[in-house]
Amino acid sequence: MAKKIVKLWYDREGDYLEVMFDRKAGYFRETKSDQVMEKVDKDGNILGFSIFKVSKIRRKPLQVALT
């Protein structure tokens, strides 16, 4: 079985985390959270997500449904 590679990237200056499941062409779109964007391909399949203001997540977990 082929292993899935997940790419994580954190920008400390921008306080920004990006998580990619697949390296394909796509675009970011909004979610119900103003902190989270999801990256999708042209068919709407999830390729990854990004989180802004990561350091502000302290007391309770950030929970967002990716569609």
C-alpha atoms as a PDB file:
ATOM      1  CA  MET A   1       0.000   0.000   0.000  1.00  0.00           C
ATOM      2  CA  ALA A   2       1.365   3.435  -0.957  1.00  0.00           C
ATOM      3  CA  LYS A   3       1.999   5.822   1.901  1.00  0.00           C
ATOM      4  CA  LYS A   4       0.333   9.237   1.890  1.00  0.00           C
ATOM      5  CA  ILE A   5       2.658  12.169   2.486  1.00  0.00           C
ATOM      6  CA  VAL A   6       1.293  15.221   4.300  1.00  0.00           C
ATOM      7  CA  LYS A   7       3.135  18.508   3.808  1.00  0.00           C
ATOM      8  CA  LEU A   8       3.130  20.917   6.779  1.00  0.00           C
ATOM      9  CA  TRP A   9       4.436  24.446   6.586  1.00  0.00           C
ATOM     10  CA  TYR A  10       4.447  27.055   9.367  1.00  0.00           C
ATOM     11  CA  ASP A  11       5.297  30.729   8.940  1.00  0.00           C
ATOM     12  CA  ARG A  12       6.089  32.136  12.394  1.00  0.00           C
ATOM     13  CA  GLU A  13       6.107  35.759  11.211  1.00  0.00           C
ATOM     14  CA  GLY A  14       2.683  35.444   9.607  1.00  0.00           C
ATOM     15  CA  ASP A  15       1.405  33.055  12.333  1.00  0.00           C
ATOM     16  CA  TYR A  16       0.156  30.825   9.514  1.00  0.00           C
ATOM     17  CA  LEU A  17       0.015  27.023   9.187  1.00  0.00           C
ATOM     18  CA  GLU A  18      -0.579  25.224   5.906  1.00  0.00           C
ATOM     19  CA  VAL A  19      -1.332  21.487   5.623  1.00  0.00           C
ATOM     20  CA  MET A  20      -1.425  19.849   2.181  1.00  0.00           C
ATOM     21  CA  PHE A  21      -2.640  16.313   1.509  1.00  0.00           C
ATOM     22  CA  ASP A  22      -2.115  16.367  -2.249  1.00  0.00           C
ATOM     23  CA  ARG A  23       0.009  18.391  -4.686  1.00  0.00           C
ATOM     24  CA  LYS A  24      -2.502  19.297  -7.362  1.00  0.00           C
ATOM     25  CA  ALA A  25      -3.720  22.510  -8.910  1.00  0.00           C
ATOM     26  CA  GLY A  26      -6.443  24.115  -6.857  1.00  0.00           C
ATOM     27  CA  TYR A  27      -7.593  27.186  -5.016  1.00  0.00           C
ATOM     28  CA  PHE A  28      -8.344  28.289  -1.458  1.00  0.00           C
ATOM     29  CA  ARG A  29     -11.901  29.013  -0.377  1.00  0.00           C
ATOM     30  CA  GLU A  30     -13.467  30.217   2.850  1.00  0.00           C
ATOM     31  CA  THR A  31     -14.899  27.985   5.564  1.00  0.00           C
ATOM     32  CA  LYS A  32     -17.273  28.872   8.394  1.00  0.00           C
ATOM     33  CA  SER A  33     -14.234  29.934  10.441  1.00  0.00           C
ATOM     34  CA  ASP A  34     -12.492  33.206   9.615  1.00  0.00           C
ATOM     35  CA  GLN A  35      -9.222  31.484  10.650  1.00  0.00           C
ATOM     36  CA  VAL A  36      -9.426  28.519   8.258  1.00  0.00           C
ATOM     37  CA  MET A  37      -9.312  28.274   4.464  1.00  0.00           C
ATOM     38  CA  GLU A  38      -9.601  24.981   2.584  1.00  0.00           C
ATOM     39  CA  LYS A  39      -7.754  24.193  -0.628  1.00  0.00           C
ATOM     40  CA  VAL A  40      -9.787  22.293  -3.210  1.00  0.00           C
ATOM     41  CA  ASP A  41      -9.309  21.109  -6.785  1.00  0.00           C
ATOM     42  CA  LYS A  42     -11.627  22.009  -9.670  1.00  0.00           C
ATOM     43  CA  ASP A  43     -13.990  19.177  -8.641  1.00  0.00           C
ATOM     44  CA  GLY A  44     -14.191  20.340  -5.011  1.00  0.00           C
ATOM     45  CA  ASN A  45     -11.979  17.586  -3.564  1.00  0.00           C
ATOM     46  CA  ILE A  46     -10.033  18.678  -0.468  1.00  0.00           C
ATOM     47  CA  LEU A  47      -6.300  19.107  -1.117  1.00  0.00           C
ATOM     48  CA  GLY A  48      -5.433  20.740   2.204  1.00  0.00           C
ATOM     49  CA  PHE A  49      -6.161  23.651   4.498  1.00  0.00           C
ATOM     50  CA  SER A  50      -4.560  26.701   6.075  1.00  0.00           C
ATOM     51  CA  ILE A  51      -4.990  28.255   9.510  1.00  0.00           C
ATOM     52  CA  PHE A  52      -4.350  31.904  10.330  1.00  0.00           C
ATOM     53  CA  LYS A  53      -3.502  33.179  13.839  1.00  0.00           C
ATOM     54  CA  VAL A  54      -2.373  29.710  14.964  1.00  0.00           C
ATOM     55  CA  SER A  55      -0.851  31.043  18.191  1.00  0.00           C
ATOM     56  CA  LYS A  56      -4.296  32.306  19.305  1.00  0.00           C
ATOM     57  CA  ILE A  57      -5.591  28.715  19.587  1.00  0.00           C
ATOM     58  CA  ARG A  58      -4.963  28.046  23.270  1.00  0.00           C
ATOM     59  CA  ARG A  59      -7.908  27.247  25.519  1.00  0.00           C
ATOM     60  CA  LYS A  60     -10.113  25.162  23.242  1.00  0.00           C
ATOM     61  CA  PRO A  61      -9.462  23.360  19.976  1.00  0.00           C
ATOM     62  CA  LEU A  62     -10.397  24.960  16.687  1.00  0.00           C
ATOM     63  CA  GLN A  63     -13.054  22.821  15.023  1.00  0.00           C
ATOM     64  CA  VAL A  64     -14.087  23.321  11.391  1.00  0.00           C
ATOM     65  CA  ALA A  65     -15.838  21.032   8.909  1.00  0.00           C
ATOM     66  CA  LEU A  66     -14.052  20.819   5.580  1.00  0.00           C
ATOM     67  CA  THR A  67     -16.505  20.254   2.742  1.00  0.00           C
END
